[in-house]
Structures are given as C-alpha cells and as structure tokens.
Protein backbone atom coordinates (compact mmCIF):
# COMPACT_ATOMS: atom_id res chain seq x y z
CA UNK A 1 87.39 -74.25 -32.86
CA UNK A 2 83.90 -75.25 -33.85
CA UNK A 3 81.59 -76.86 -31.22
CA UNK A 4 82.19 -80.24 -32.92
CA UNK A 5 85.97 -79.67 -32.75
CA UNK A 6 85.69 -78.80 -29.16
CA UNK A 7 83.81 -81.94 -28.38
CA UNK A 8 86.40 -84.07 -30.14
CA UNK A 9 89.23 -82.30 -28.22
CA UNK A 10 87.23 -82.89 -24.95
CA UNK A 11 86.95 -86.69 -25.75
CA UNK A 12 90.77 -86.80 -26.42
CA UNK A 13 91.45 -85.23 -23.01
CA UNK A 14 90.09 -88.34 -21.33
CA UNK A 15 93.21 -90.61 -21.02
CA UNK A 16 93.71 -93.31 -18.45
CA UNK A 17 96.75 -92.75 -16.20
CA UNK A 18 96.93 -89.11 -17.59
CA UNK A 19 93.62 -87.68 -16.30
CA UNK A 20 91.77 -84.61 -17.33
CA UNK A 21 91.65 -82.34 -14.10
CA UNK A 22 88.51 -80.22 -13.75
CA UNK A 23 88.48 -77.46 -11.26
CA UNK A 24 84.70 -76.93 -11.37
CA UNK A 25 83.23 -73.57 -11.93
CA UNK A 26 79.76 -71.90 -11.69
CA UNK A 27 79.56 -68.90 -13.99
CA UNK A 28 81.41 -67.08 -16.83
CA UNK A 29 83.70 -65.19 -14.45
CA UNK A 30 84.89 -68.29 -12.74
CA UNK A 31 85.21 -70.03 -16.06
CA UNK A 32 87.50 -67.30 -17.27
CA UNK A 33 89.55 -67.42 -14.05
CA UNK A 34 90.07 -71.17 -14.29
CA UNK A 35 90.89 -71.00 -18.01
CA UNK A 36 93.55 -68.20 -17.31
CA UNK A 37 95.04 -70.62 -14.79
CA UNK A 38 95.84 -73.15 -17.56
CA UNK A 39 92.74 -75.44 -17.50
CA UNK A 40 92.35 -77.69 -20.58
CA UNK A 41 88.53 -77.71 -20.37
CA UNK A 42 85.85 -76.21 -18.20
CA UNK A 43 83.12 -78.01 -16.22
CA UNK A 44 80.43 -76.84 -13.89
CA UNK A 45 79.22 -78.29 -10.76
CA UNK A 46 75.47 -78.29 -10.09
CA UNK A 47 75.82 -77.40 -6.38
CA UNK A 48 77.94 -74.44 -7.19
CA UNK A 49 75.83 -73.17 -10.15
CA UNK A 50 72.71 -73.35 -7.89
CA UNK A 51 74.24 -71.73 -4.77
CA UNK A 52 75.74 -68.90 -6.90
CA UNK A 53 72.19 -67.84 -7.97
CA UNK A 54 70.60 -68.47 -4.49
CA UNK A 55 69.26 -71.96 -4.98
CA UNK A 56 69.58 -75.38 -3.42
CA UNK A 57 71.15 -78.31 -5.39
CA UNK A 58 68.81 -80.91 -6.90
CA UNK A 59 67.42 -79.08 -9.97
CA UNK A 60 66.13 -76.24 -7.90
CA UNK A 61 67.58 -73.71 -10.28
CA UNK A 62 65.09 -73.26 -13.10
CA UNK A 63 66.06 -74.95 -16.40
CA UNK A 64 65.96 -71.70 -18.34
CA UNK A 65 68.44 -70.18 -15.83
CA UNK A 66 70.78 -73.12 -16.16
CA UNK A 67 70.63 -72.82 -19.88
CA UNK A 68 71.27 -69.10 -19.84
CA UNK A 69 74.23 -69.79 -17.48
CA UNK A 70 75.61 -72.55 -19.84
CA UNK A 71 75.37 -70.28 -22.76
CA UNK A 72 77.22 -67.49 -21.02
CA UNK A 73 80.00 -69.88 -19.79
CA UNK A 74 80.43 -71.38 -23.32
CA UNK A 75 80.60 -68.01 -24.93
CA UNK A 76 83.13 -66.77 -22.42
CA UNK A 77 85.95 -69.24 -23.05
CA UNK A 78 87.55 -70.95 -26.01
CA UNK A 79 87.82 -74.26 -24.10
CA UNK A 80 85.42 -77.28 -24.22
CA UNK A 81 82.57 -76.77 -21.71
CA UNK A 82 80.74 -79.56 -19.97
CA UNK A 83 77.62 -78.82 -17.82
CA UNK A 84 76.40 -80.69 -14.90
CA UNK A 85 72.99 -81.67 -16.02
CA UNK A 86 71.91 -83.53 -12.75
CA UNK A 87 68.98 -85.64 -13.89
CA UNK A 88 68.21 -83.83 -17.01
CA UNK A 89 65.35 -81.97 -15.52
CA UNK A 90 62.76 -84.72 -16.55
CA UNK A 91 62.04 -88.48 -16.07
CA UNK A 92 60.76 -89.55 -19.47
CA UNK A 93 63.49 -90.04 -22.23
CA UNK A 94 61.65 -87.97 -24.76
CA UNK A 95 61.70 -84.87 -22.34
CA UNK A 96 65.35 -85.61 -21.42
CA UNK A 97 66.15 -85.48 -25.19
CA UNK A 98 64.45 -82.09 -25.54
CA UNK A 99 66.39 -80.59 -22.73
CA UNK A 100 69.64 -82.16 -23.93
CA UNK A 101 69.01 -80.50 -27.31
CA UNK A 102 68.78 -77.07 -25.60
CA UNK A 103 71.92 -77.73 -23.62
CA UNK A 104 73.94 -78.53 -26.91
CA UNK A 105 72.37 -75.39 -28.48
CA UNK A 106 73.81 -73.50 -25.64
CA UNK A 107 77.26 -74.50 -26.60
CA UNK A 108 78.08 -77.48 -24.22
CA UNK A 109 80.09 -80.34 -25.55
CA UNK A 110 79.33 -82.63 -22.74
CA UNK A 111 77.36 -83.16 -19.54
CA UNK A 112 77.24 -84.99 -16.19
CA UNK A 113 73.99 -87.17 -16.15
CA UNK A 114 73.19 -88.91 -12.87
CA UNK A 115 71.09 -91.97 -12.12
CA UNK A 116 69.68 -90.85 -8.86
CA UNK A 117 65.96 -89.88 -8.77
CA UNK A 118 66.16 -86.16 -8.23
CA UNK A 119 63.42 -85.14 -5.90
CA UNK A 120 62.79 -88.93 -5.05
CA UNK A 121 64.39 -91.81 -3.43
CA UNK A 122 67.04 -94.24 -4.64
CA UNK A 123 68.20 -94.77 -8.32
CA UNK A 124 66.60 -95.29 -11.47
CA UNK A 125 66.63 -99.00 -12.60
CA UNK A 126 69.46 -99.90 -14.92
CA UNK A 127 67.02 -100.29 -17.83
CA UNK A 128 65.33 -96.96 -17.22
CA UNK A 129 68.55 -95.06 -16.93
CA UNK A 130 69.83 -96.73 -20.11
CA UNK A 131 66.84 -95.37 -21.93
CA UNK A 132 67.42 -91.97 -20.59
CA UNK A 133 71.11 -91.98 -21.70
CA UNK A 134 70.18 -93.47 -25.07
CA UNK A 135 67.76 -90.50 -25.70
CA UNK A 136 70.52 -87.99 -25.09
CA UNK A 137 72.91 -89.91 -27.36
CA UNK A 138 70.26 -90.08 -30.15
CA UNK A 139 69.57 -86.23 -30.01
CA UNK A 140 73.34 -85.42 -29.80
CA UNK A 141 73.89 -87.68 -32.87
CA UNK A 142 71.29 -85.81 -34.86
CA UNK A 143 73.22 -82.58 -34.27
CA UNK A 144 76.54 -83.92 -35.48
CA UNK A 145 78.16 -83.15 -32.09
CA UNK A 146 80.09 -85.95 -30.42
CA UNK A 147 78.55 -85.07 -27.12
CA UNK A 148 80.33 -86.48 -24.12
CA UNK A 149 77.85 -88.16 -21.74
CA UNK A 150 79.55 -88.55 -18.44
CA UNK A 151 77.21 -91.12 -16.86
CA UNK A 152 77.22 -90.69 -13.18
CA UNK A 153 76.10 -93.50 -10.89
CA UNK A 154 75.29 -92.65 -7.30
CA UNK A 155 75.67 -96.27 -6.10
CA UNK A 156 78.52 -95.28 -3.78
CA UNK A 157 77.18 -91.89 -2.74
CA UNK A 158 74.01 -93.54 -1.39
CA UNK A 159 75.98 -96.15 0.71
CA UNK A 160 78.42 -96.16 3.52
CA UNK A 161 82.10 -96.36 2.73
CA UNK A 162 82.24 -99.60 4.60
CA UNK A 163 79.72 -101.10 2.16
CA UNK A 164 81.40 -99.82 -1.06
CA UNK A 165 83.16 -103.21 -1.81
CA UNK A 166 79.86 -104.96 -1.69
CA UNK A 167 78.40 -102.38 -4.21
CA UNK A 168 81.07 -102.94 -6.90
CA UNK A 169 79.02 -105.44 -8.67
CA UNK A 170 76.15 -103.17 -9.07
CA UNK A 171 78.36 -100.34 -10.08
CA UNK A 172 80.18 -102.37 -12.72
CA UNK A 173 76.82 -103.77 -14.08
CA UNK A 174 75.48 -100.16 -14.39
CA UNK A 175 78.71 -99.16 -16.10
CA UNK A 176 78.21 -101.90 -18.79
CA UNK A 177 74.65 -100.99 -19.25
CA UNK A 178 75.38 -97.26 -19.51
CA UNK A 179 78.16 -97.78 -22.01
CA UNK A 180 75.90 -99.92 -24.22
CA UNK A 181 73.31 -97.13 -24.13
CA UNK A 182 75.80 -94.47 -25.38
CA UNK A 183 77.64 -93.13 -22.26
CA UNK A 184 81.07 -91.70 -23.00
CA UNK A 185 82.46 -92.00 -19.50
CA UNK A 186 81.55 -93.21 -15.99
CA UNK A 187 81.61 -90.96 -12.94
CA UNK A 188 81.79 -92.64 -9.48
CA UNK A 189 81.46 -89.87 -6.89
CA UNK A 190 81.81 -91.13 -3.46
CA UNK A 191 84.30 -93.89 -4.16
CA UNK A 192 87.58 -93.15 -2.49
CA UNK A 193 89.15 -96.46 -1.90
CA UNK A 194 92.23 -96.86 -4.00
CA UNK A 195 91.80 -100.53 -4.74
CA UNK A 196 88.11 -100.19 -5.65
CA UNK A 197 88.99 -97.20 -7.89
CA UNK A 198 91.56 -99.30 -9.64
CA UNK A 199 89.19 -102.23 -10.07
CA UNK A 200 86.61 -99.93 -11.59
CA UNK A 201 89.21 -98.57 -14.04
CA UNK A 202 90.36 -102.10 -14.97
CA UNK A 203 86.83 -103.14 -15.49
CA UNK A 204 85.72 -100.75 -18.20
CA UNK A 205 87.20 -99.25 -21.42
CA UNK A 206 85.16 -96.12 -20.52
CA UNK A 207 87.14 -93.22 -19.03
CA UNK A 208 86.47 -93.25 -15.30
CA UNK A 209 85.79 -89.95 -13.46
CA UNK A 210 86.89 -89.84 -9.77
CA UNK A 211 86.01 -87.15 -7.32
CA UNK A 212 88.49 -85.16 -5.10
CA UNK A 213 87.25 -85.14 -1.57
CA UNK A 214 88.57 -85.89 2.04
CA UNK A 215 90.08 -89.39 2.15
CA UNK A 216 90.50 -89.66 -1.70
CA UNK A 217 93.81 -90.50 -3.24
CA UNK A 218 95.84 -87.59 -4.60
CA UNK A 219 95.67 -86.59 -8.33
CA UNK A 220 99.00 -88.26 -8.80
CA UNK A 221 97.74 -91.44 -7.20
CA UNK A 222 94.53 -91.47 -9.11
CA UNK A 223 96.49 -91.28 -12.44
CA UNK A 224 98.43 -94.39 -11.34
CA UNK A 225 95.06 -96.13 -10.57
CA UNK A 226 93.96 -95.53 -14.22
CA UNK A 227 91.54 -92.65 -13.58
CA UNK A 228 90.99 -90.64 -16.67
CA UNK A 229 89.12 -87.63 -15.32
CA UNK A 230 89.15 -85.86 -11.85
CA UNK A 231 86.45 -83.48 -10.63
CA UNK A 232 86.45 -81.15 -7.60
CA UNK A 233 82.73 -80.76 -7.33
CA UNK A 234 81.59 -77.76 -5.05
CA UNK A 235 84.97 -77.33 -3.37
CA UNK A 236 86.17 -74.49 -5.49
CA UNK A 237 83.04 -72.52 -4.95
CA UNK A 238 83.09 -73.07 -1.24
CA UNK A 239 86.81 -72.09 -1.00
CA UNK A 240 86.10 -68.85 -3.11
CA UNK A 241 83.19 -67.96 -0.88
CA UNK A 242 85.31 -68.50 2.28
CA UNK A 243 87.99 -66.33 0.97
CA UNK A 244 85.55 -63.59 0.00
CA UNK A 245 84.00 -63.65 3.53
CA UNK A 246 87.53 -63.54 5.06
CA UNK A 247 88.46 -60.54 2.97
CA UNK A 248 85.13 -58.73 3.79
CA UNK A 249 85.70 -59.35 7.46
CA UNK A 250 88.99 -57.57 7.22
CA UNK A 251 87.21 -54.69 5.57
CA UNK A 252 84.47 -54.60 8.18
CA UNK A 253 86.56 -55.45 11.16
CA UNK A 254 84.63 -58.73 11.72
C-alpha cells in the first residue's frame, strides 16, 4: 500500500463498538514483533520511545532522533504507523506544522497530539490548541495524506478520578472544538469510569480512544461502551523490560 492508502486503512480501523487495539511499541524491532502477533496497525508510546533511548518522557528525546525512529518503524512494517507526537515539539502553530510535515515525510499516517503544555503547567486553551491542530491538518492536506490526528486531552490525567464527572463538560467542549479544527479522533487517557467513557462516546461522532490501565474496563467492555480505539501506553515496554531483567537474573544468578 502507498502511504495514503495506509492512512485510509488506518481511518477505517476506527469503529465504534469494534475498537482498534494498539499494543504500543518503541522501535522497529518491537514493531515487527507486534505486527507478527497479528496487529492491524502500529502505534508508538512517547514514554517507551524515550525510555528505550535513555531519555525521560516529555519531549526530552531530541526531535531528530524521534524522526529517525519514526522512519525506521514505518520502513520496518507494512502496517499503518501512528507516532506519539506529544505536543509537537513546539508551541506556535507554524512550527508545529513544520514538525508535522517531517513526521509525515518519515512515513507516519497518524499521530497523538496532546493539549498539555509540555514542560509547563496545565493545558493550552481550547482556542490555542485548536489553532495547533488546524496547523497539522493544513500541512497534512497539502501532502494529500489523510493524516489521522488523534487529539489527546489531558483533562482527566490532570485531575483526581473523584473529580472526573465534573470535568466532563470541559472534556466534551474540547472534543467539539478539536473536531472543528480538524481532529480525526479523541484520546481521553486517565478516564476509566465506564459510565463516563460511554457518555464521551455518545457525545461525539469522533472515534474515542481509551487507555488500558489499572481500574479500566476490559477490551470487551470498552467495545460495548462504544470505544473505537484502545491504547496500552508504556505497559508493553515496562513488561518487556521486566521480562528481560528476570531472564538476565537467571543467567547471572541474581
């Protein structure tokens, strides 16, 4: 498939009640392993990509290294590849657009793009984040690639679970604004309450991306709630590193 065809296929995999399950990877080797297991698409997790190269999360891995990794991953598999782009490595929309163009040139057909202020406090205003999303959409449209912008809101990550119900209005407002700006999907990490997940899915026509973590509904339960995409975040990397450490202990007698 061409890159555009992969992007179209990636869009089609996002179906309410029949979610795309992503077991997040961090390099070409892990991408091939997950592809061999039967994955329909490949997606990185920023924490895992950074950790695998000795960096902390939060855009600490240099942009050129991220682009090199993205290119290696995209070239290593025949599946659609989405890259966790964090905050796009810039604040201003014009610089976001430049970086997104590089990501598309590396072979990605989609990205996660978050509204938290990386390296700062809180979230971008809805208006500012909309401009940033629109910049990615504009540069993607120029390439002819139907790039999947998975707009992530950290409304729930930056609040206690007990307060999540009271945060739904802000989350749904952000969802609407981001959709208008050109987002393809909405990612709500931190939200694990089944009723609230269902409300989010009912609110928007955008595919909703939920996150597997302790306390979250199962994959089958999320499907029933209307979730269209499920991510595993850094868990696959952490599990792989624990397994490696355990095997090494057996070798060294630890």
